[in-house]
Protein backbone atom coordinates (compact mmCIF):
# COMPACT_ATOMS: atom_id res chain seq x y z
CA ILE A 1 14.24 -26.55 13.92
CA PRO A 2 11.80 -24.93 11.40
CA ILE A 3 12.89 -21.89 9.51
CA MET A 4 10.06 -19.34 8.94
CA LEU A 5 10.37 -16.68 6.23
CA VAL A 6 8.14 -13.68 5.91
CA ASN A 7 7.91 -12.23 2.45
CA GLY A 8 10.97 -14.30 1.38
CA TYR A 9 11.34 -17.58 -0.36
CA LEU A 10 13.96 -20.24 0.02
CA GLU A 11 13.18 -23.91 -1.03
CA GLY A 12 14.45 -26.56 1.34
CA GLU A 13 13.54 -29.00 4.06
CA ASN A 14 11.78 -27.55 7.08
CA ILE A 15 11.67 -24.11 5.49
CA TYR A 16 8.21 -22.34 5.46
CA SER A 17 7.55 -19.22 3.52
CA THR A 18 4.63 -16.78 3.74
CA LEU A 19 4.62 -14.27 0.90
CA CYS A 20 2.75 -11.30 -0.53
CA ASP A 21 2.15 -11.72 -4.21
CA ASP A 22 4.25 -8.62 -4.98
CA ARG A 23 4.67 -9.36 -8.62
CA LEU A 24 0.80 -9.46 -9.17
CA ALA A 25 0.41 -6.29 -7.08
CA THR A 26 2.79 -4.18 -9.01
CA HIS A 27 1.53 -5.71 -12.33
CA ARG A 28 -2.04 -4.64 -11.38
CA ALA A 29 -0.97 -1.08 -10.29
CA THR A 30 1.04 -0.58 -13.49
CA SER A 31 -1.84 -1.74 -15.49
CA GLN A 32 -4.16 0.61 -13.77
CA LEU A 33 -1.83 3.51 -14.33
CA LEU A 34 -1.74 2.72 -18.02
CA GLN A 35 -5.49 2.34 -18.24
CA SER A 36 -5.91 5.75 -16.53
CA GLY A 37 -3.82 7.29 -19.43
CA CYS A 38 -0.33 7.37 -18.00
CA GLN A 39 2.17 6.49 -20.54
CA ASP A 40 5.62 7.18 -19.02
CA ILE A 41 5.76 5.32 -15.63
CA LEU A 42 8.81 5.77 -13.55
CA TYR A 43 9.65 2.85 -11.20
CA LEU A 44 11.59 3.56 -8.00
CA PHE A 45 12.80 0.73 -5.84
CA THR A 46 14.90 0.23 -2.70
CA SER A 47 16.39 -3.24 -3.05
CA TYR A 48 17.00 -6.35 -5.19
CA SER A 49 15.58 -8.55 -2.37
CA TYR A 50 13.23 -11.44 -3.21
CA SER A 51 10.29 -9.21 -2.65
CA GLY A 52 11.95 -6.35 -4.51
CA SER A 53 12.73 -8.49 -7.49
CA CYS A 54 9.09 -9.71 -7.57
CA LYS A 55 7.86 -6.08 -7.53
CA MET A 56 10.11 -5.16 -10.43
CA LYS A 57 9.02 -8.24 -12.43
CA GLY A 58 5.38 -7.12 -12.11
CA TYR A 59 6.14 -3.63 -13.46
CA ARG A 60 8.18 -5.00 -16.40
CA ASP A 61 5.50 -7.82 -17.11
CA ALA A 62 2.70 -5.19 -17.23
CA LEU A 63 4.51 -2.99 -19.76
CA LEU A 64 5.42 -5.97 -21.93
CA GLY A 65 1.94 -7.37 -21.72
CA ARG A 66 0.66 -4.19 -23.21
CA GLY A 67 3.25 -4.31 -26.03
CA LEU A 68 5.34 -1.52 -24.48
CA SER A 69 9.08 -1.54 -24.09
CA VAL A 70 10.79 -1.49 -20.80
CA ARG A 71 12.94 1.56 -20.68
CA GLU A 72 15.85 1.19 -18.28
CA ASP A 73 16.17 4.92 -17.82
CA TYR A 74 12.65 4.74 -16.18
CA ILE A 75 13.91 2.27 -13.49
CA HIS A 76 15.90 3.73 -10.62
CA GLN A 77 17.19 2.29 -7.29
CA CYS A 78 16.89 4.78 -4.40
CA PRO A 79 17.75 4.62 -0.74
CA LYS A 80 14.59 4.40 1.54
CA ASP A 81 14.62 8.13 2.26
CA VAL A 82 12.01 10.76 1.48
CA LEU A 83 14.51 13.55 0.69
CA LYS A 84 16.74 11.36 -1.44
CA ALA A 85 13.73 10.17 -3.51
CA ARG A 86 12.80 13.83 -3.96
CA ALA A 87 16.21 14.67 -4.99
CA LEU A 88 16.41 11.82 -7.47
CA LEU A 89 13.26 12.79 -9.15
CA LEU A 90 14.39 16.47 -9.34
CA SER A 91 17.66 15.37 -10.99
CA LEU A 92 15.80 13.19 -13.60
CA HIS A 93 13.41 16.12 -14.22
CA GLU A 94 16.34 18.56 -14.71
CA ALA A 95 17.95 16.04 -17.07
CA GLY A 96 14.86 16.23 -19.27
CA LEU A 97 13.25 12.81 -18.47
CA HIS A 98 9.46 12.98 -18.94
CA PHE A 99 7.34 10.96 -16.64
CA ASP A 100 3.54 11.13 -15.83
CA ALA A 101 3.47 8.54 -13.12
CA VAL A 102 5.69 7.12 -10.35
CA LEU A 103 5.25 3.63 -8.98
CA THR A 104 7.47 2.87 -5.93
CA SER A 105 8.41 -0.20 -3.96
CA ASP A 106 7.90 1.66 -0.69
CA ASP A 107 5.70 4.48 0.60
CA THR A 108 8.71 6.44 1.62
CA LEU A 109 9.77 6.85 -1.96
CA ALA A 110 6.21 7.82 -2.89
CA VAL A 111 6.36 10.56 -0.28
CA GLY A 112 9.51 11.87 -1.99
CA ALA A 113 7.52 11.87 -5.31
CA VAL A 114 4.81 13.98 -3.61
CA LYS A 115 7.48 16.42 -2.41
CA TYR A 116 9.00 16.46 -5.89
CA ALA A 117 5.56 17.30 -7.41
CA HIS A 118 5.07 20.15 -4.94
CA ALA A 119 8.57 21.47 -5.64
CA THR A 120 8.02 21.52 -9.36
CA GLY A 121 4.52 22.76 -9.47
CA ARG A 122 3.06 19.53 -10.92
CA ARG A 123 -0.51 18.78 -10.01
CA ILE A 124 -1.26 15.46 -8.38
CA PRO A 125 -2.83 13.31 -10.07
CA ASP A 126 -3.52 15.49 -13.18
CA ASP A 127 0.18 15.88 -14.06
CA LEU A 128 1.65 13.14 -12.01
CA SER A 129 0.12 10.03 -10.67
CA ILE A 130 1.88 8.29 -7.69
CA ILE A 131 1.53 4.84 -6.14
CA GLY A 132 3.34 3.74 -3.00
CA TYR A 133 3.83 0.30 -1.48
CA ASN A 134 3.08 -1.05 1.93
CA ASN A 135 0.12 1.21 2.83
CA SER A 136 2.13 2.52 5.83
CA SER A 137 1.19 5.54 7.97
CA TYR A 138 3.15 7.57 5.38
CA ALA A 139 0.22 7.04 3.00
CA VAL A 140 -2.20 9.13 4.98
CA CYS A 141 0.42 11.72 6.05
CA THR A 142 0.83 13.39 2.70
CA ASP A 143 -1.28 16.00 0.95
CA PRO A 144 -2.82 14.53 -1.13
CA GLU A 145 -3.00 11.11 0.48
CA LEU A 146 -1.18 8.33 -1.28
CA THR A 147 -2.71 5.54 -3.32
CA SER A 148 -0.69 2.56 -1.96
CA ILE A 149 -0.48 -1.19 -2.24
CA ASP A 150 -1.35 -2.93 1.04
CA SER A 151 1.06 -5.85 1.30
CA LYS A 152 -0.92 -7.21 4.35
CA VAL A 153 1.96 -7.27 6.72
CA GLU A 154 -0.32 -8.31 9.69
CA ALA A 155 -1.83 -11.10 7.65
CA LEU A 156 1.67 -12.27 6.68
CA CYS A 157 2.73 -12.39 10.33
CA ASN A 158 -0.39 -14.10 11.57
CA THR A 159 -0.13 -16.69 8.80
CA THR A 160 3.51 -17.27 9.67
CA ILE A 161 2.70 -17.87 13.30
CA ASN A 162 -0.19 -20.10 12.45
CA THR A 163 2.15 -22.08 10.20
CA LEU A 164 4.69 -22.46 12.91
CA MET A 165 2.19 -23.56 15.41
CA GLY A 166 1.04 -26.10 12.95
CA VAL A 167 4.54 -27.42 12.52
CA PHE A 168 5.02 -27.67 16.21
CA ASN A 169 1.64 -29.54 16.61
CA GLY A 170 2.78 -32.03 13.91
CA GLY A 171 0.16 -30.79 11.33
CA ASN A 172 0.39 -30.89 7.58
CA VAL A 173 1.18 -27.30 6.76
CA PRO A 174 2.18 -25.81 3.23
CA MET A 175 5.80 -24.97 2.62
CA ARG A 176 4.67 -21.78 0.92
CA THR A 177 1.71 -19.58 1.46
CA THR A 178 0.91 -16.61 -0.75
CA ILE A 179 -1.40 -13.72 0.18
CA ALA A 180 -2.82 -11.37 -2.26
CA ALA A 181 -2.20 -7.56 -1.83
CA ASP A 182 -4.87 -4.80 -2.07
CA LEU A 183 -4.51 -1.55 -3.88
CA ILE A 184 -5.91 1.21 -1.60
CA LYS A 185 -7.04 4.02 -3.84
CA ARG A 186 -6.56 7.53 -2.50
CA ALA A 187 -5.97 10.94 -4.10
CA THR A 188 -2.62 10.43 -5.96
CA THR A 189 -4.16 8.51 -8.89
CA LYS A 190 -6.76 9.26 -11.52
CA PHE A 191 -8.66 5.93 -11.06
């Protein structure tokens, strides 16, 4: 029986993985924030899953690639909850942590960052740039609308089904297929 993984990876016989290149996506997003003048980029994430670890690596690699240090006080795990993300950012702000950008592993956390900015009077994107992840319906439900990484969920699912059908038909299919993400630019970034 074939095992099909969507946005996860496990090496083994008869295991097929279809992945979004999450590391490259967050690397590019972090690099664009840096190029737009942001210096203190906060990273919020939901989990240490395979995808979550790749996203974190992209953020870290982009900073290191620019000769910047990775500050652990700029990396925070947060439940996938708008109000908890807002509360976390408010507590970091009250503790005196300065950040001019927030990159998140999920649009839900980015919506929390928008709510945080509104609560503190920070102008988006002039005072605070925000990038979400997944290009979900949340991305167009905020004011301003979120810049978000499109992880191409539909393409991941279609590719997985095509791979499964290839396995059933006895075809020679790849054990691992990687799909590139797109950065959808909207109003929460300066670029």
